[in-house]
Amino acid sequence: MCVKSVTRTTQDPISLAICSFAARAGDTENLQNGFEDTSDSPGTVAIAFYNGLWAFDGW
């Protein structure tokens, strides 16, 4: 139990440090057009949330 707790506690800061280092280094070309050709209509957003909730309904 203790090892799992320590691993989980250190995982998030390490991931955050790696991502922030990559962003500061300028490696953001994949983030420039991440939402290109997507729709932001309320109906589409509602369906996306519904599908997400449906996927995790069994948990």
PDB file of N, CA and C in Angstrom:
ATOM      1  N   MET A   1       0.818  -1.191   0.000  1.00  0.00           N
ATOM      2  CA  MET A   1       0.000   0.000   0.000  1.00  0.00           C
ATOM      3  C   MET A   1       0.863   1.256   0.000  1.00  0.00           C
ATOM      4  N   CYS A   2       1.928   1.249   0.747  1.00  0.00           N
ATOM      5  CA  CYS A   2       2.784   2.414   0.848  1.00  0.00           C
ATOM      6  C   CYS A   2       3.515   2.683  -0.475  1.00  0.00           C
ATOM      7  N   VAL A   3       3.975   1.632  -1.137  1.00  0.00           N
ATOM      8  CA  VAL A   3       4.674   1.795  -2.411  1.00  0.00           C
ATOM      9  C   VAL A   3       3.733   2.378  -3.452  1.00  0.00           C
ATOM     10  N   LYS A   4       2.508   1.901  -3.476  1.00  0.00           N
ATOM     11  CA  LYS A   4       1.524   2.417  -4.418  1.00  0.00           C
ATOM     12  C   LYS A   4       1.253   3.893  -4.155  1.00  0.00           C
ATOM     13  N   SER A   5       1.167   4.267  -2.913  1.00  0.00           N
ATOM     14  CA  SER A   5       0.910   5.652  -2.548  1.00  0.00           C
ATOM     15  C   SER A   5       2.071   6.559  -2.954  1.00  0.00           C
ATOM     16  N   VAL A   6       3.274   6.107  -2.725  1.00  0.00           N
ATOM     17  CA  VAL A   6       4.454   6.900  -3.097  1.00  0.00           C
ATOM     18  C   VAL A   6       4.555   7.025  -4.605  1.00  0.00           C
ATOM     19  N   THR A   7       4.303   5.950  -5.316  1.00  0.00           N
ATOM     20  CA  THR A   7       4.362   5.979  -6.770  1.00  0.00           C
ATOM     21  C   THR A   7       3.333   6.952  -7.338  1.00  0.00           C
ATOM     22  N   ARG A   8       2.149   6.906  -6.825  1.00  0.00           N
ATOM     23  CA  ARG A   8       1.087   7.794  -7.310  1.00  0.00           C
ATOM     24  C   ARG A   8       1.385   9.252  -6.968  1.00  0.00           C
ATOM     25  N   THR A   9       1.946   9.486  -5.811  1.00  0.00           N
ATOM     26  CA  THR A   9       2.253  10.843  -5.378  1.00  0.00           C
ATOM     27  C   THR A   9       3.352  11.465  -6.233  1.00  0.00           C
ATOM     28  N   THR A  10       4.310  10.678  -6.659  1.00  0.00           N
ATOM     29  CA  THR A  10       5.413  11.223  -7.455  1.00  0.00           C
ATOM     30  C   THR A  10       5.124  11.225  -8.947  1.00  0.00           C
ATOM     31  N   GLN A  11       4.149  10.470  -9.391  1.00  0.00           N
ATOM     32  CA  GLN A  11       3.859  10.364 -10.819  1.00  0.00           C
ATOM     33  C   GLN A  11       3.358  11.685 -11.396  1.00  0.00           C
ATOM     34  N   ASP A  12       2.455  12.352 -10.723  1.00  0.00           N
ATOM     35  CA  ASP A  12       1.882  13.588 -11.245  1.00  0.00           C
ATOM     36  C   ASP A  12       2.906  14.715 -11.349  1.00  0.00           C
ATOM     37  N   PRO A  13       3.709  14.988 -10.319  1.00  0.00           N
ATOM     38  CA  PRO A  13       4.703  16.055 -10.471  1.00  0.00           C
ATOM     39  C   PRO A  13       5.749  15.762 -11.542  1.00  0.00           C
ATOM     40  N   ILE A  14       6.123  14.506 -11.682  1.00  0.00           N
ATOM     41  CA  ILE A  14       7.100  14.162 -12.713  1.00  0.00           C
ATOM     42  C   ILE A  14       6.509  14.390 -14.099  1.00  0.00           C
ATOM     43  N   SER A  15       5.264  13.969 -14.317  1.00  0.00           N
ATOM     44  CA  SER A  15       4.608  14.187 -15.605  1.00  0.00           C
ATOM     45  C   SER A  15       4.462  15.669 -15.900  1.00  0.00           C
ATOM     46  N   LEU A  16       4.096  16.439 -14.892  1.00  0.00           N
ATOM     47  CA  LEU A  16       3.951  17.876 -15.063  1.00  0.00           C
ATOM     48  C   LEU A  16       5.289  18.528 -15.403  1.00  0.00           C
ATOM     49  N   ALA A  17       6.349  18.089 -14.771  1.00  0.00           N
ATOM     50  CA  ALA A  17       7.672  18.645 -15.051  1.00  0.00           C
ATOM     51  C   ALA A  17       8.105  18.333 -16.476  1.00  0.00           C
ATOM     52  N   ILE A  18       7.868  17.127 -16.931  1.00  0.00           N
ATOM     53  CA  ILE A  18       8.253  16.755 -18.300  1.00  0.00           C
ATOM     54  C   ILE A  18       7.471  17.567 -19.322  1.00  0.00           C
ATOM     55  N   CYS A  19       6.161  17.708 -19.106  1.00  0.00           N
ATOM     56  CA  CYS A  19       5.333  18.475 -20.044  1.00  0.00           C
ATOM     57  C   CYS A  19       5.707  19.950 -20.060  1.00  0.00           C
ATOM     58  N   SER A  20       5.982  20.516 -18.893  1.00  0.00           N
ATOM     59  CA  SER A  20       6.343  21.931 -18.859  1.00  0.00           C
ATOM     60  C   SER A  20       7.716  22.153 -19.491  1.00  0.00           C
ATOM     61  N   PHE A  21       8.630  21.210 -19.319  1.00  0.00           N
ATOM     62  CA  PHE A  21       9.933  21.322 -19.968  1.00  0.00           C
ATOM     63  C   PHE A  21       9.795  21.289 -21.487  1.00  0.00           C
ATOM     64  N   ALA A  22       8.952  20.387 -21.988  1.00  0.00           N
ATOM     65  CA  ALA A  22       8.743  20.286 -23.433  1.00  0.00           C
ATOM     66  C   ALA A  22       8.090  21.563 -23.966  1.00  0.00           C
ATOM     67  N   ALA A  23       7.170  22.150 -23.215  1.00  0.00           N
ATOM     68  CA  ALA A  23       6.511  23.379 -23.660  1.00  0.00           C
ATOM     69  C   ALA A  23       7.493  24.540 -23.686  1.00  0.00           C
ATOM     70  N   ARG A  24       8.363  24.615 -22.681  1.00  0.00           N
ATOM     71  CA  ARG A  24       9.352  25.693 -22.661  1.00  0.00           C
ATOM     72  C   ARG A  24      10.396  25.524 -23.745  1.00  0.00           C
ATOM     73  N   ALA A  25      10.667  24.294 -24.144  1.00  0.00           N
ATOM     74  CA  ALA A  25      11.655  24.039 -25.187  1.00  0.00           C
ATOM     75  C   ALA A  25      11.106  24.359 -26.572  1.00  0.00           C
ATOM     76  N   GLY A  26       9.793  24.596 -26.668  1.00  0.00           N
ATOM     77  CA  GLY A  26       9.198  24.953 -27.948  1.00  0.00           C
ATOM     78  C   GLY A  26       8.640  23.782 -28.721  1.00  0.00           C
ATOM     79  N   ASP A  27       8.555  22.619 -28.111  1.00  0.00           N
ATOM     80  CA  ASP A  27       8.024  21.440 -28.796  1.00  0.00           C
ATOM     81  C   ASP A  27       6.500  21.419 -28.692  1.00  0.00           C
ATOM     82  N   THR A  28       5.852  22.387 -29.338  1.00  0.00           N
ATOM     83  CA  THR A  28       4.396  22.490 -29.241  1.00  0.00           C
ATOM     84  C   THR A  28       3.722  22.421 -30.606  1.00  0.00           C
ATOM     85  N   GLU A  29       4.428  21.917 -31.610  1.00  0.00           N
ATOM     86  CA  GLU A  29       3.832  21.879 -32.947  1.00  0.00           C
ATOM     87  C   GLU A  29       2.596  20.987 -33.005  1.00  0.00           C
ATOM     88  N   ASN A  30       2.522  19.971 -32.152  1.00  0.00           N
ATOM     89  CA  ASN A  30       1.343  19.107 -32.148  1.00  0.00           C
ATOM     90  C   ASN A  30       0.151  19.764 -31.473  1.00  0.00           C
ATOM     91  N   LEU A  31       0.376  20.818 -30.723  1.00  0.00           N
ATOM     92  CA  LEU A  31      -0.704  21.481 -30.006  1.00  0.00           C
ATOM     93  C   LEU A  31      -1.278  22.667 -30.774  1.00  0.00           C
ATOM     94  N   GLN A  32      -0.663  23.049 -31.870  1.00  0.00           N
ATOM     95  CA  GLN A  32      -1.079  24.244 -32.589  1.00  0.00           C
ATOM     96  C   GLN A  32      -2.479  24.121 -33.178  1.00  0.00           C
ATOM     97  N   ASN A  33      -2.813  22.981 -33.714  1.00  0.00           N
ATOM     98  CA  ASN A  33      -4.121  22.810 -34.349  1.00  0.00           C
ATOM     99  C   ASN A  33      -4.803  21.543 -33.836  1.00  0.00           C
ATOM    100  N   GLY A  34      -4.836  21.388 -32.537  1.00  0.00           N
ATOM    101  CA  GLY A  34      -5.404  20.192 -31.928  1.00  0.00           C
ATOM    102  C   GLY A  34      -6.909  20.062 -32.106  1.00  0.00           C
ATOM    103  N   PHE A  35      -7.609  21.201 -32.224  1.00  0.00           N
ATOM    104  CA  PHE A  35      -9.061  21.161 -32.358  1.00  0.00           C
ATOM    105  C   PHE A  35      -9.521  21.620 -33.738  1.00  0.00           C
ATOM    106  N   GLU A  36      -8.660  21.482 -34.703  1.00  0.00           N
ATOM    107  CA  GLU A  36      -9.003  21.861 -36.077  1.00  0.00           C
ATOM    108  C   GLU A  36     -10.081  20.914 -36.614  1.00  0.00           C
ATOM    109  N   ASP A  37     -11.017  21.450 -37.361  1.00  0.00           N
ATOM    110  CA  ASP A  37     -12.121  20.695 -37.964  1.00  0.00           C
ATOM    111  C   ASP A  37     -13.033  20.042 -36.922  1.00  0.00           C
ATOM    112  N   THR A  38     -13.207  20.684 -35.773  1.00  0.00           N
ATOM    113  CA  THR A  38     -14.145  20.192 -34.781  1.00  0.00           C
ATOM    114  C   THR A  38     -15.306  21.166 -34.660  1.00  0.00           C
ATOM    115  N   SER A  39     -16.388  20.680 -34.112  1.00  0.00           N
ATOM    116  CA  SER A  39     -17.585  21.496 -33.979  1.00  0.00           C
ATOM    117  C   SER A  39     -17.764  21.881 -32.518  1.00  0.00           C
ATOM    118  N   ASP A  40     -18.199  23.121 -32.295  1.00  0.00           N
ATOM    119  CA  ASP A  40     -18.446  23.550 -30.922  1.00  0.00           C
ATOM    120  C   ASP A  40     -19.920  23.885 -30.701  1.00  0.00           C
ATOM    121  N   SER A  41     -20.782  23.250 -31.482  1.00  0.00           N
ATOM    122  CA  SER A  41     -22.211  23.481 -31.310  1.00  0.00           C
ATOM    123  C   SER A  41     -22.673  22.832 -30.008  1.00  0.00           C
ATOM    124  N   PRO A  42     -23.665  23.405 -29.336  1.00  0.00           N
ATOM    125  CA  PRO A  42     -24.116  22.856 -28.054  1.00  0.00           C
ATOM    126  C   PRO A  42     -24.584  21.407 -28.141  1.00  0.00           C
ATOM    127  N   GLY A  43     -25.222  21.038 -29.233  1.00  0.00           N
ATOM    128  CA  GLY A  43     -25.679  19.658 -29.382  1.00  0.00           C
ATOM    129  C   GLY A  43     -24.528  18.672 -29.455  1.00  0.00           C
ATOM    130  N   THR A  44     -23.490  19.027 -30.180  1.00  0.00           N
ATOM    131  CA  THR A  44     -22.324  18.153 -30.303  1.00  0.00           C
ATOM    132  C   THR A  44     -21.595  18.020 -28.972  1.00  0.00           C
ATOM    133  N   VAL A  45     -21.483  19.124 -28.260  1.00  0.00           N
ATOM    134  CA  VAL A  45     -20.833  19.086 -26.948  1.00  0.00           C
ATOM    135  C   VAL A  45     -21.647  18.230 -25.978  1.00  0.00           C
ATOM    136  N   ALA A  46     -22.976  18.358 -26.021  1.00  0.00           N
ATOM    137  CA  ALA A  46     -23.836  17.569 -25.139  1.00  0.00           C
ATOM    138  C   ALA A  46     -23.693  16.078 -25.434  1.00  0.00           C
ATOM    139  N   ILE A  47     -23.652  15.719 -26.698  1.00  0.00           N
ATOM    140  CA  ILE A  47     -23.485  14.307 -27.072  1.00  0.00           C
ATOM    141  C   ILE A  47     -22.121  13.788 -26.619  1.00  0.00           C
ATOM    142  N   ALA A  48     -21.090  14.625 -26.715  1.00  0.00           N
ATOM    143  CA  ALA A  48     -19.760  14.211 -26.272  1.00  0.00           C
ATOM    144  C   ALA A  48     -19.750  13.933 -24.770  1.00  0.00           C
ATOM    145  N   PHE A  49     -20.377  14.816 -23.986  1.00  0.00           N
ATOM    146  CA  PHE A  49     -20.449  14.581 -22.543  1.00  0.00           C
ATOM    147  C   PHE A  49     -21.268  13.327 -22.233  1.00  0.00           C
ATOM    148  N   TYR A  50     -22.365  13.136 -22.942  1.00  0.00           N
ATOM    149  CA  TYR A  50     -23.199  11.961 -22.726  1.00  0.00           C
ATOM    150  C   TYR A  50     -22.414  10.691 -23.023  1.00  0.00           C
ATOM    151  N   ASN A  51     -21.669  10.683 -24.123  1.00  0.00           N
ATOM    152  CA  ASN A  51     -20.872   9.508 -24.468  1.00  0.00           C
ATOM    153  C   ASN A  51     -19.784   9.252 -23.432  1.00  0.00           C
ATOM    154  N   GLY A  52     -19.172  10.324 -22.920  1.00  0.00           N
ATOM    155  CA  GLY A  52     -18.159  10.155 -21.883  1.00  0.00           C
ATOM    156  C   GLY A  52     -18.740   9.586 -20.608  1.00  0.00           C
ATOM    157  N   LEU A  53     -19.909  10.075 -20.219  1.00  0.00           N
ATOM    158  CA  LEU A  53     -20.549   9.548 -19.015  1.00  0.00           C
ATOM    159  C   LEU A  53     -21.005   8.112 -19.217  1.00  0.00           C
ATOM    160  N   TRP A  54     -21.470   7.796 -20.408  1.00  0.00           N
ATOM    161  CA  TRP A  54     -21.890   6.433 -20.710  1.00  0.00           C
ATOM    162  C   TRP A  54     -20.710   5.466 -20.622  1.00  0.00           C
ATOM    163  N   ALA A  55     -19.548   5.905 -21.075  1.00  0.00           N
ATOM    164  CA  ALA A  55     -18.363   5.037 -21.054  1.00  0.00           C
ATOM    165  C   ALA A  55     -17.954   4.685 -19.631  1.00  0.00           C
ATOM    166  N   PHE A  56     -18.113   5.619 -18.696  1.00  0.00           N
ATOM    167  CA  PHE A  56     -17.701   5.376 -17.324  1.00  0.00           C
ATOM    168  C   PHE A  56     -18.873   5.029 -16.414  1.00  0.00           C
ATOM    169  N   ASP A  57     -20.002   4.678 -16.977  1.00  0.00           N
ATOM    170  CA  ASP A  57     -21.208   4.391 -16.188  1.00  0.00           C
ATOM    171  C   ASP A  57     -21.017   3.158 -15.302  1.00  0.00           C
ATOM    172  N   GLY A  58     -20.270   2.187 -15.759  1.00  0.00           N
ATOM    173  CA  GLY A  58     -20.105   0.956 -15.009  1.00  0.00           C
ATOM    174  C   GLY A  58     -19.134   1.062 -13.854  1.00  0.00           C
ATOM    175  N   TRP A  59     -18.435   2.148 -13.736  1.00  0.00           N
ATOM    176  CA  TRP A  59     -17.443   2.290 -12.682  1.00  0.00           C
ATOM    177  C   TRP A  59     -18.143   2.712 -11.464  1.00  0.00           C
TER     178      TRP A  59
END
